[in-house]
Amino acid sequence: MTDPYYADVKQWKRDYDRCEMVLFANQCKPKICVCGGPITLATDDKGMSYYECKEYEDDGLHIRHRCFDAIKEELEELKKKVAEEANNRMNVEDEMKKMREDSKLL
């Protein structure tokens, strides 16, 4: 027989893990909510647009992320990827130049 306190601790851990998933899910444009619900585009009273869970409740366990912030974060990630790709391309071009020089010597 297990300790009833153990069941409570397990439930607290599940709740904490779920909150952590919500925290990390609020980056870029969310695809699906942690609860498994679909993400929809919604606006509030002030006209602000949000990506939010269709079953959104303000309990901290569902996703609601401002569209502008999500697009801004996604753009920053894309800029990082482009810079990384440009750096990789420069490295490859340098290697190719070096190989051409070596082949001329041979």
PDB file of N, CA and C in Angstrom:
ATOM      1  N   MET A   1       0.836  -1.168   0.000  1.00  0.00           N
ATOM      2  CA  MET A   1       0.000   0.000   0.000  1.00  0.00           C
ATOM      3  C   MET A   1       0.894   1.248   0.000  1.00  0.00           C
ATOM      4  N   THR A   2       0.527   2.223  -0.834  1.00  0.00           N
ATOM      5  CA  THR A   2       1.351   3.430  -0.934  1.00  0.00           C
ATOM      6  C   THR A   2       0.854   4.523  -0.002  1.00  0.00           C
ATOM      7  N   ASP A   3       1.754   5.391   0.294  1.00  0.00           N
ATOM      8  CA  ASP A   3       1.460   6.522   1.162  1.00  0.00           C
ATOM      9  C   ASP A   3       0.569   7.525   0.414  1.00  0.00           C
ATOM     10  N   PRO A   4      -0.531   8.009   1.022  1.00  0.00           N
ATOM     11  CA  PRO A   4      -1.388   8.985   0.330  1.00  0.00           C
ATOM     12  C   PRO A   4      -0.649  10.288   0.012  1.00  0.00           C
ATOM     13  N   TYR A   5       0.324  10.629   0.825  1.00  0.00           N
ATOM     14  CA  TYR A   5       1.108  11.828   0.572  1.00  0.00           C
ATOM     15  C   TYR A   5       1.874  11.697  -0.741  1.00  0.00           C
ATOM     16  N   TYR A   6       2.297  10.467  -1.068  1.00  0.00           N
ATOM     17  CA  TYR A   6       3.026  10.202  -2.296  1.00  0.00           C
ATOM     18  C   TYR A   6       2.179  10.570  -3.516  1.00  0.00           C
ATOM     19  N   ALA A   7       0.891  10.254  -3.481  1.00  0.00           N
ATOM     20  CA  ALA A   7      -0.008  10.594  -4.590  1.00  0.00           C
ATOM     21  C   ALA A   7      -0.109  12.112  -4.744  1.00  0.00           C
ATOM     22  N   ASP A   8      -0.157  12.823  -3.616  1.00  0.00           N
ATOM     23  CA  ASP A   8      -0.210  14.284  -3.676  1.00  0.00           C
ATOM     24  C   ASP A   8       1.064  14.855  -4.294  1.00  0.00           C
ATOM     25  N   VAL A   9       2.204  14.328  -3.889  1.00  0.00           N
ATOM     26  CA  VAL A   9       3.479  14.795  -4.421  1.00  0.00           C
ATOM     27  C   VAL A   9       3.544  14.549  -5.926  1.00  0.00           C
ATOM     28  N   LYS A  10       3.083  13.379  -6.374  1.00  0.00           N
ATOM     29  CA  LYS A  10       3.075  13.083  -7.799  1.00  0.00           C
ATOM     30  C   LYS A  10       2.185  14.074  -8.558  1.00  0.00           C
ATOM     31  N   GLN A  11       1.037  14.404  -7.992  1.00  0.00           N
ATOM     32  CA  GLN A  11       0.130  15.354  -8.641  1.00  0.00           C
ATOM     33  C   GLN A  11       0.763  16.746  -8.701  1.00  0.00           C
ATOM     34  N   TRP A  12       1.430  17.155  -7.616  1.00  0.00           N
ATOM     35  CA  TRP A  12       2.107  18.450  -7.614  1.00  0.00           C
ATOM     36  C   TRP A  12       3.192  18.490  -8.682  1.00  0.00           C
ATOM     37  N   LYS A  13       3.912  17.379  -8.836  1.00  0.00           N
ATOM     38  CA  LYS A  13       4.962  17.305  -9.854  1.00  0.00           C
ATOM     39  C   LYS A  13       4.358  17.423 -11.246  1.00  0.00           C
ATOM     40  N   ARG A  14       3.246  16.733 -11.490  1.00  0.00           N
ATOM     41  CA  ARG A  14       2.580  16.831 -12.792  1.00  0.00           C
ATOM     42  C   ARG A  14       2.142  18.261 -13.073  1.00  0.00           C
ATOM     43  N   ASP A  15       1.574  18.920 -12.061  1.00  0.00           N
ATOM     44  CA  ASP A  15       1.136  20.306 -12.227  1.00  0.00           C
ATOM     45  C   ASP A  15       2.318  21.220 -12.527  1.00  0.00           C
ATOM     46  N   TYR A  16       3.417  21.015 -11.812  1.00  0.00           N
ATOM     47  CA  TYR A  16       4.616  21.826 -12.039  1.00  0.00           C
ATOM     48  C   TYR A  16       5.157  21.600 -13.448  1.00  0.00           C
ATOM     49  N   ASP A  17       5.222  20.346 -13.882  1.00  0.00           N
ATOM     50  CA  ASP A  17       5.721  20.036 -15.219  1.00  0.00           C
ATOM     51  C   ASP A  17       4.838  20.686 -16.279  1.00  0.00           C
ATOM     52  N   ARG A  18       3.540  20.673 -16.047  1.00  0.00           N
ATOM     53  CA  ARG A  18       2.610  21.274 -17.001  1.00  0.00           C
ATOM     54  C   ARG A  18       2.813  22.790 -17.059  1.00  0.00           C
ATOM     55  N   CYS A  19       2.997  23.424 -15.910  1.00  0.00           N
ATOM     56  CA  CYS A  19       3.257  24.871 -15.881  1.00  0.00           C
ATOM     57  C   CYS A  19       4.556  25.194 -16.608  1.00  0.00           C
ATOM     58  N   GLU A  20       5.561  24.352 -16.439  1.00  0.00           N
ATOM     59  CA  GLU A  20       6.838  24.558 -17.115  1.00  0.00           C
ATOM     60  C   GLU A  20       6.672  24.426 -18.627  1.00  0.00           C
ATOM     61  N   MET A  21       5.872  23.465 -19.073  1.00  0.00           N
ATOM     62  CA  MET A  21       5.624  23.314 -20.504  1.00  0.00           C
ATOM     63  C   MET A  21       4.924  24.545 -21.063  1.00  0.00           C
ATOM     64  N   VAL A  22       3.972  25.104 -20.301  1.00  0.00           N
ATOM     65  CA  VAL A  22       3.271  26.306 -20.750  1.00  0.00           C
ATOM     66  C   VAL A  22       4.252  27.465 -20.860  1.00  0.00           C
ATOM     67  N   LEU A  23       5.144  27.572 -19.904  1.00  0.00           N
ATOM     68  CA  LEU A  23       6.129  28.643 -19.915  1.00  0.00           C
ATOM     69  C   LEU A  23       6.979  28.592 -21.184  1.00  0.00           C
ATOM     70  N   PHE A  24       7.468  27.411 -21.547  1.00  0.00           N
ATOM     71  CA  PHE A  24       8.312  27.284 -22.720  1.00  0.00           C
ATOM     72  C   PHE A  24       7.505  27.273 -24.014  1.00  0.00           C
ATOM     73  N   ALA A  25       6.218  26.988 -23.925  1.00  0.00           N
ATOM     74  CA  ALA A  25       5.378  26.994 -25.119  1.00  0.00           C
ATOM     75  C   ALA A  25       5.045  28.409 -25.550  1.00  0.00           C
ATOM     76  N   ASN A  26       5.200  29.381 -24.664  1.00  0.00           N
ATOM     77  CA  ASN A  26       4.893  30.769 -24.988  1.00  0.00           C
ATOM     78  C   ASN A  26       6.055  31.440 -25.694  1.00  0.00           C
ATOM     79  N   GLN A  27       6.625  30.766 -26.669  1.00  0.00           N
ATOM     80  CA  GLN A  27       7.684  31.338 -27.474  1.00  0.00           C
ATOM     81  C   GLN A  27       7.319  31.127 -28.932  1.00  0.00           C
ATOM     82  N   CYS A  28       7.502  32.163 -29.722  1.00  0.00           N
ATOM     83  CA  CYS A  28       7.159  32.154 -31.139  1.00  0.00           C
ATOM     84  C   CYS A  28       5.668  31.892 -31.330  1.00  0.00           C
ATOM     85  N   LYS A  29       5.301  31.430 -32.516  1.00  0.00           N
ATOM     86  CA  LYS A  29       3.886  31.160 -32.756  1.00  0.00           C
ATOM     87  C   LYS A  29       3.578  29.747 -32.269  1.00  0.00           C
ATOM     88  N   PRO A  30       2.698  29.620 -31.290  1.00  0.00           N
ATOM     89  CA  PRO A  30       2.394  28.283 -30.776  1.00  0.00           C
ATOM     90  C   PRO A  30       1.605  27.469 -31.794  1.00  0.00           C
ATOM     91  N   LYS A  31       1.874  26.197 -31.845  1.00  0.00           N
ATOM     92  CA  LYS A  31       1.185  25.304 -32.784  1.00  0.00           C
ATOM     93  C   LYS A  31       0.000  24.609 -32.121  1.00  0.00           C
ATOM     94  N   ILE A  32       0.216  24.182 -30.878  1.00  0.00           N
ATOM     95  CA  ILE A  32      -0.824  23.465 -30.132  1.00  0.00           C
ATOM     96  C   ILE A  32      -0.631  23.771 -28.651  1.00  0.00           C
ATOM     97  N   CYS A  33      -1.709  23.822 -27.921  1.00  0.00           N
ATOM     98  CA  CYS A  33      -1.639  24.123 -26.488  1.00  0.00           C
ATOM     99  C   CYS A  33      -1.136  22.892 -25.727  1.00  0.00           C
ATOM    100  N   VAL A  34      -0.654  23.138 -24.542  1.00  0.00           N
ATOM    101  CA  VAL A  34      -0.166  22.051 -23.698  1.00  0.00           C
ATOM    102  C   VAL A  34      -1.300  21.090 -23.360  1.00  0.00           C
ATOM    103  N   CYS A  35      -2.518  21.632 -23.242  1.00  0.00           N
ATOM    104  CA  CYS A  35      -3.668  20.778 -22.912  1.00  0.00           C
ATOM    105  C   CYS A  35      -4.098  19.932 -24.109  1.00  0.00           C
ATOM    106  N   GLY A  36      -3.517  20.200 -25.286  1.00  0.00           N
ATOM    107  CA  GLY A  36      -3.882  19.452 -26.487  1.00  0.00           C
ATOM    108  C   GLY A  36      -4.905  20.178 -27.335  1.00  0.00           C
ATOM    109  N   GLY A  37      -5.408  21.290 -26.848  1.00  0.00           N
ATOM    110  CA  GLY A  37      -6.404  22.065 -27.581  1.00  0.00           C
ATOM    111  C   GLY A  37      -5.779  22.850 -28.730  1.00  0.00           C
ATOM    112  N   PRO A  38      -6.593  23.192 -29.721  1.00  0.00           N
ATOM    113  CA  PRO A  38      -6.066  23.954 -30.856  1.00  0.00           C
ATOM    114  C   PRO A  38      -5.824  25.418 -30.491  1.00  0.00           C
ATOM    115  N   ILE A  39      -4.924  26.041 -31.205  1.00  0.00           N
ATOM    116  CA  ILE A  39      -4.617  27.457 -31.017  1.00  0.00           C
ATOM    117  C   ILE A  39      -5.420  28.262 -32.035  1.00  0.00           C
ATOM    118  N   THR A  40      -6.090  29.315 -31.565  1.00  0.00           N
ATOM    119  CA  THR A  40      -6.866  30.176 -32.444  1.00  0.00           C
ATOM    120  C   THR A  40      -6.373  31.608 -32.324  1.00  0.00           C
ATOM    121  N   LEU A  41      -6.753  32.419 -33.282  1.00  0.00           N
ATOM    122  CA  LEU A  41      -6.416  33.834 -33.262  1.00  0.00           C
ATOM    123  C   LEU A  41      -7.597  34.563 -32.628  1.00  0.00           C
ATOM    124  N   ALA A  42      -7.340  35.326 -31.568  1.00  0.00           N
ATOM    125  CA  ALA A  42      -8.409  36.016 -30.859  1.00  0.00           C
ATOM    126  C   ALA A  42      -7.993  37.454 -30.575  1.00  0.00           C
ATOM    127  N   THR A  43      -8.978  38.302 -30.341  1.00  0.00           N
ATOM    128  CA  THR A  43      -8.703  39.688 -29.969  1.00  0.00           C
ATOM    129  C   THR A  43      -9.410  39.994 -28.660  1.00  0.00           C
ATOM    130  N   ASP A  44      -8.855  40.927 -27.898  1.00  0.00           N
ATOM    131  CA  ASP A  44      -9.486  41.312 -26.639  1.00  0.00           C
ATOM    132  C   ASP A  44     -10.270  42.607 -26.827  1.00  0.00           C
ATOM    133  N   ASP A  45     -10.730  43.194 -25.735  1.00  0.00           N
ATOM    134  CA  ASP A  45     -11.556  44.404 -25.780  1.00  0.00           C
ATOM    135  C   ASP A  45     -10.813  45.585 -26.400  1.00  0.00           C
ATOM    136  N   LYS A  46      -9.506  45.642 -26.200  1.00  0.00           N
ATOM    137  CA  LYS A  46      -8.704  46.768 -26.678  1.00  0.00           C
ATOM    138  C   LYS A  46      -8.252  46.596 -28.123  1.00  0.00           C
ATOM    139  N   GLY A  47      -8.583  45.459 -28.729  1.00  0.00           N
ATOM    140  CA  GLY A  47      -8.202  45.204 -30.111  1.00  0.00           C
ATOM    141  C   GLY A  47      -6.854  44.520 -30.273  1.00  0.00           C
ATOM    142  N   MET A  48      -6.248  44.063 -29.162  1.00  0.00           N
ATOM    143  CA  MET A  48      -4.977  43.342 -29.233  1.00  0.00           C
ATOM    144  C   MET A  48      -5.228  41.921 -29.723  1.00  0.00           C
ATOM    145  N   SER A  49      -4.375  41.456 -30.641  1.00  0.00           N
ATOM    146  CA  SER A  49      -4.504  40.107 -31.169  1.00  0.00           C
ATOM    147  C   SER A  49      -3.655  39.140 -30.361  1.00  0.00           C
ATOM    148  N   TYR A  50      -4.185  37.955 -30.149  1.00  0.00           N
ATOM    149  CA  TYR A  50      -3.503  36.921 -29.369  1.00  0.00           C
ATOM    150  C   TYR A  50      -3.618  35.580 -30.073  1.00  0.00           C
ATOM    151  N   TYR A  51      -2.583  34.752 -29.906  1.00  0.00           N
ATOM    152  CA  TYR A  51      -2.697  33.330 -30.203  1.00  0.00           C
ATOM    153  C   TYR A  51      -3.099  32.711 -28.877  1.00  0.00           C
ATOM    154  N   GLU A  52      -4.233  32.063 -28.828  1.00  0.00           N
ATOM    155  CA  GLU A  52      -4.644  31.482 -27.559  1.00  0.00           C
ATOM    156  C   GLU A  52      -5.320  30.142 -27.765  1.00  0.00           C
ATOM    157  N   CYS A  53      -5.300  29.360 -26.695  1.00  0.00           N
ATOM    158  CA  CYS A  53      -5.949  28.054 -26.691  1.00  0.00           C
ATOM    159  C   CYS A  53      -7.455  28.258 -26.805  1.00  0.00           C
ATOM    160  N   LYS A  54      -8.093  27.386 -27.549  1.00  0.00           N
ATOM    161  CA  LYS A  54      -9.547  27.491 -27.707  1.00  0.00           C
ATOM    162  C   LYS A  54     -10.254  27.320 -26.366  1.00  0.00           C
ATOM    163  N   GLU A  55      -9.643  26.599 -25.449  1.00  0.00           N
ATOM    164  CA  GLU A  55     -10.218  26.351 -24.126  1.00  0.00           C
ATOM    165  C   GLU A  55      -9.559  27.241 -23.072  1.00  0.00           C
ATOM    166  N   TYR A  56      -9.091  28.428 -23.469  1.00  0.00           N
ATOM    167  CA  TYR A  56      -8.303  29.287 -22.589  1.00  0.00           C
ATOM    168  C   TYR A  56      -9.056  29.682 -21.325  1.00  0.00           C
ATOM    169  N   GLU A  57      -8.392  29.484 -20.204  1.00  0.00           N
ATOM    170  CA  GLU A  57      -8.823  29.965 -18.900  1.00  0.00           C
ATOM    171  C   GLU A  57      -7.601  30.620 -18.279  1.00  0.00           C
ATOM    172  N   ASP A  58      -7.793  31.644 -17.504  1.00  0.00           N
ATOM    173  CA  ASP A  58      -6.657  32.348 -16.918  1.00  0.00           C
ATOM    174  C   ASP A  58      -6.166  31.622 -15.670  1.00  0.00           C
ATOM    175  N   ASP A  59      -5.774  30.357 -15.841  1.00  0.00           N
ATOM    176  CA  ASP A  59      -5.289  29.565 -14.711  1.00  0.00           C
ATOM    177  C   ASP A  59      -3.803  29.248 -14.832  1.00  0.00           C
ATOM    178  N   GLY A  60      -3.164  29.754 -15.896  1.00  0.00           N
ATOM    179  CA  GLY A  60      -1.740  29.529 -16.084  1.00  0.00           C
ATOM    180  C   GLY A  60      -1.404  28.214 -16.748  1.00  0.00           C
ATOM    181  N   LEU A  61      -2.407  27.446 -17.140  1.00  0.00           N
ATOM    182  CA  LEU A  61      -2.151  26.140 -17.742  1.00  0.00           C
ATOM    183  C   LEU A  61      -2.545  26.087 -19.216  1.00  0.00           C
ATOM    184  N   HIS A  62      -2.830  27.231 -19.804  1.00  0.00           N
ATOM    185  CA  HIS A  62      -3.153  27.310 -21.231  1.00  0.00           C
ATOM    186  C   HIS A  62      -2.329  28.424 -21.855  1.00  0.00           C
ATOM    187  N   ILE A  63      -2.223  28.382 -23.168  1.00  0.00           N
ATOM    188  CA  ILE A  63      -1.392  29.346 -23.876  1.00  0.00           C
ATOM    189  C   ILE A  63      -2.219  30.553 -24.306  1.00  0.00           C
ATOM    190  N   ARG A  64      -1.665  31.733 -24.070  1.00  0.00           N
ATOM    191  CA  ARG A  64      -2.183  32.981 -24.613  1.00  0.00           C
ATOM    192  C   ARG A  64      -0.981  33.882 -24.835  1.00  0.00           C
ATOM    193  N   HIS A  65      -0.670  34.139 -26.103  1.00  0.00           N
ATOM    194  CA  HIS A  65       0.554  34.852 -26.457  1.00  0.00           C
ATOM    195  C   HIS A  65       0.213  35.940 -27.467  1.00  0.00           C
ATOM    196  N   ARG A  66       0.680  37.171 -27.218  1.00  0.00           N
ATOM    197  CA  ARG A  66       0.396  38.276 -28.138  1.00  0.00           C
ATOM    198  C   ARG A  66       0.997  37.993 -29.505  1.00  0.00           C
ATOM    199  N   CYS A  67       0.240  38.282 -30.544  1.00  0.00           N
ATOM    200  CA  CYS A  67       0.692  38.023 -31.911  1.00  0.00           C
ATOM    201  C   CYS A  67       1.955  38.797 -32.236  1.00  0.00           C
ATOM    202  N   PHE A  68       1.990  40.076 -31.877  1.00  0.00           N
ATOM    203  CA  PHE A  68       3.150  40.898 -32.196  1.00  0.00           C
ATOM    204  C   PHE A  68       4.407  40.326 -31.555  1.00  0.00           C
ATOM    205  N   ASP A  69       4.312  39.938 -30.291  1.00  0.00           N
ATOM    206  CA  ASP A  69       5.475  39.364 -29.603  1.00  0.00           C
ATOM    207  C   ASP A  69       5.903  38.048 -30.247  1.00  0.00           C
ATOM    208  N   ALA A  70       4.922  37.218 -30.608  1.00  0.00           N
ATOM    209  CA  ALA A  70       5.233  35.923 -31.217  1.00  0.00           C
ATOM    210  C   ALA A  70       5.944  36.103 -32.550  1.00  0.00           C
ATOM    211  N   ILE A  71       5.451  37.032 -33.360  1.00  0.00           N
ATOM    212  CA  ILE A  71       6.061  37.262 -34.671  1.00  0.00           C
ATOM    213  C   ILE A  71       7.450  37.876 -34.505  1.00  0.00           C
ATOM    214  N   LYS A  72       7.599  38.764 -33.538  1.00  0.00           N
ATOM    215  CA  LYS A  72       8.901  39.387 -33.268  1.00  0.00           C
ATOM    216  C   LYS A  72       9.929  38.328 -32.854  1.00  0.00           C
ATOM    217  N   GLU A  73       9.531  37.408 -31.957  1.00  0.00           N
ATOM    218  CA  GLU A  73      10.434  36.339 -31.512  1.00  0.00           C
ATOM    219  C   GLU A  73      10.805  35.428 -32.670  1.00  0.00           C
ATOM    220  N   GLU A  74       9.810  35.116 -33.512  1.00  0.00           N
ATOM    221  CA  GLU A  74      10.078  34.238 -34.637  1.00  0.00           C
ATOM    222  C   GLU A  74      11.033  34.909 -35.629  1.00  0.00           C
ATOM    223  N   LEU A  75      10.864  36.209 -35.841  1.00  0.00           N
ATOM    224  CA  LEU A  75      11.755  36.949 -36.729  1.00  0.00           C
ATOM    225  C   LEU A  75      13.181  36.963 -36.191  1.00  0.00           C
ATOM    226  N   GLU A  76      13.336  37.137 -34.874  1.00  0.00           N
ATOM    227  CA  GLU A  76      14.671  37.114 -34.273  1.00  0.00           C
ATOM    228  C   GLU A  76      15.328  35.746 -34.453  1.00  0.00           C
ATOM    229  N   GLU A  77      14.549  34.674 -34.292  1.00  0.00           N
ATOM    230  CA  GLU A  77      15.098  33.330 -34.501  1.00  0.00           C
ATOM    231  C   GLU A  77      15.529  33.133 -35.949  1.00  0.00           C
ATOM    232  N   LEU A  78      14.708  33.632 -36.889  1.00  0.00           N
ATOM    233  CA  LEU A  78      15.062  33.509 -38.299  1.00  0.00           C
ATOM    234  C   LEU A  78      16.322  34.298 -38.629  1.00  0.00           C
ATOM    235  N   LYS A  79      16.469  35.480 -38.019  1.00  0.00           N
ATOM    236  CA  LYS A  79      17.687  36.268 -38.239  1.00  0.00           C
ATOM    237  C   LYS A  79      18.912  35.503 -37.751  1.00  0.00           C
ATOM    238  N   LYS A  80      18.792  34.844 -36.593  1.00  0.00           N
ATOM    239  CA  LYS A  80      19.910  34.050 -36.080  1.00  0.00           C
ATOM    240  C   LYS A  80      20.255  32.915 -37.039  1.00  0.00           C
ATOM    241  N   LYS A  81      19.223  32.246 -37.568  1.00  0.00           N
ATOM    242  CA  LYS A  81      19.461  31.141 -38.499  1.00  0.00           C
ATOM    243  C   LYS A  81      20.122  31.630 -39.779  1.00  0.00           C
ATOM    244  N   VAL A  82      19.674  32.789 -40.282  1.00  0.00           N
ATOM    245  CA  VAL A  82      20.268  33.335 -41.507  1.00  0.00           C
ATOM    246  C   VAL A  82      21.728  33.688 -41.271  1.00  0.00           C
ATOM    247  N   ALA A  83      22.028  34.317 -40.137  1.00  0.00           N
ATOM    248  CA  ALA A  83      23.412  34.663 -39.823  1.00  0.00           C
ATOM    249  C   ALA A  83      24.269  33.407 -39.710  1.00  0.00           C
ATOM    250  N   GLU A  84      23.724  32.368 -39.098  1.00  0.00           N
ATOM    251  CA  GLU A  84      24.452  31.104 -38.957  1.00  0.00           C
ATOM    252  C   GLU A  84      24.710  30.470 -40.321  1.00  0.00           C
ATOM    253  N   GLU A  85      23.694  30.480 -41.191  1.00  0.00           N
ATOM    254  CA  GLU A  85      23.855  29.917 -42.535  1.00  0.00           C
ATOM    255  C   GLU A  85      24.881  30.714 -43.344  1.00  0.00           C
ATOM    256  N   ALA A  86      24.841  32.053 -43.199  1.00  0.00           N
ATOM    257  CA  ALA A  86      25.812  32.883 -43.911  1.00  0.00           C
ATOM    258  C   ALA A  86      27.229  32.574 -43.435  1.00  0.00           C
ATOM    259  N   ASN A  87      27.383  32.381 -42.142  1.00  0.00           N
ATOM    260  CA  ASN A  87      28.687  32.043 -41.586  1.00  0.00           C
ATOM    261  C   ASN A  87      29.163  30.686 -42.109  1.00  0.00           C
ATOM    262  N   ASN A  88      28.257  29.710 -42.144  1.00  0.00           N
ATOM    263  CA  ASN A  88      28.606  28.380 -42.676  1.00  0.00           C
ATOM    264  C   ASN A  88      29.008  28.472 -44.145  1.00  0.00           C
ATOM    265  N   ARG A  89      28.275  29.302 -44.905  1.00  0.00           N
ATOM    266  CA  ARG A  89      28.578  29.439 -46.331  1.00  0.00           C
ATOM    267  C   ARG A  89      29.959  30.069 -46.529  1.00  0.00           C
ATOM    268  N   MET A  90      30.272  31.062 -45.714  1.00  0.00           N
ATOM    269  CA  MET A  90      31.591  31.692 -45.808  1.00  0.00           C
ATOM    270  C   MET A  90      32.692  30.676 -45.503  1.00  0.00           C
ATOM    271  N   ASN A  91      32.462  29.837 -44.494  1.00  0.00           N
ATOM    272  CA  ASN A  91      33.449  28.797 -44.158  1.00  0.00           C
ATOM    273  C   ASN A  91      33.642  27.823 -45.313  1.00  0.00           C
ATOM    274  N   VAL A  92      32.533  27.429 -45.950  1.00  0.00           N
ATOM    275  CA  VAL A  92      32.618  26.493 -47.077  1.00  0.00           C
ATOM    276  C   VAL A  92      33.349  27.146 -48.245  1.00  0.00           C
ATOM    277  N   GLU A  93      33.056  28.421 -48.510  1.00  0.00           N
ATOM    278  CA  GLU A  93      33.744  29.116 -49.601  1.00  0.00           C
ATOM    279  C   GLU A  93      35.243  29.219 -49.335  1.00  0.00           C
ATOM    280  N   ASP A  94      35.602  29.489 -48.073  1.00  0.00           N
ATOM    281  CA  ASP A  94      37.022  29.548 -47.714  1.00  0.00           C
ATOM    282  C   ASP A  94      37.693  28.194 -47.930  1.00  0.00           C
ATOM    283  N   GLU A  95      37.003  27.128 -47.545  1.00  0.00           N
ATOM    284  CA  GLU A  95      37.553  25.781 -47.735  1.00  0.00           C
ATOM    285  C   GLU A  95      37.713  25.465 -49.214  1.00  0.00           C
ATOM    286  N   MET A  96      36.718  25.854 -50.013  1.00  0.00           N
ATOM    287  CA  MET A  96      36.800  25.594 -51.456  1.00  0.00           C
ATOM    288  C   MET A  96      37.967  26.366 -52.082  1.00  0.00           C
ATOM    289  N   LYS A  97      38.156  27.604 -51.651  1.00  0.00           N
ATOM    290  CA  LYS A  97      39.265  28.414 -52.158  1.00  0.00           C
ATOM    291  C   LYS A  97      40.602  27.757 -51.820  1.00  0.00           C
ATOM    292  N   LYS A  98      40.672  27.272 -50.585  1.00  0.00           N
ATOM    293  CA  LYS A  98      41.902  26.602 -50.135  1.00  0.00           C
ATOM    294  C   LYS A  98      42.134  25.315 -50.939  1.00  0.00           C
ATOM    295  N   MET A  99      41.087  24.570 -51.231  1.00  0.00           N
ATOM    296  CA  MET A  99      41.209  23.331 -51.999  1.00  0.00           C
ATOM    297  C   MET A  99      41.650  23.626 -53.438  1.00  0.00           C
ATOM    298  N   ARG A 100      41.124  24.713 -54.019  1.00  0.00           N
ATOM    299  CA  ARG A 100      41.535  25.091 -55.375  1.00  0.00           C
ATOM    300  C   ARG A 100      43.032  25.403 -55.416  1.00  0.00           C
ATOM    301  N   GLU A 101      43.491  26.152 -54.407  1.00  0.00           N
ATOM    302  CA  GLU A 101      44.920  26.485 -54.339  1.00  0.00           C
ATOM    303  C   GLU A 101      45.761  25.225 -54.188  1.00  0.00           C
ATOM    304  N   ASP A 102      45.291  24.296 -53.350  1.00  0.00           N
ATOM    305  CA  ASP A 102      46.019  23.044 -53.169  1.00  0.00           C
ATOM    306  C   ASP A 102      46.041  22.227 -54.444  1.00  0.00           C
ATOM    307  N   SER A 103      44.912  22.207 -55.171  1.00  0.00           N
ATOM    308  CA  SER A 103      44.862  21.426 -56.418  1.00  0.00           C
ATOM    309  C   SER A 103      45.757  22.033 -57.494  1.00  0.00           C
ATOM    310  N   LYS A 104      45.889  23.370 -57.490  1.00  0.00           N
ATOM    311  CA  LYS A 104      46.797  24.012 -58.441  1.00  0.00           C
ATOM    312  C   LYS A 104      48.250  23.643 -58.160  1.00  0.00           C
ATOM    313  N   LEU A 105      48.586  23.522 -56.884  1.00  0.00           N
ATOM    314  CA  LEU A 105      49.952  23.139 -56.497  1.00  0.00           C
ATOM    315  C   LEU A 105      50.263  21.714 -56.895  1.00  0.00           C
ATOM    316  N   LEU A 106      49.255  20.858 -56.875  1.00  0.00           N
ATOM    317  CA  LEU A 106      49.479  19.450 -57.252  1.00  0.00           C
ATOM    318  C   LEU A 106      49.615  19.324 -58.737  1.00  0.00           C
TER     319      LEU A 106
END
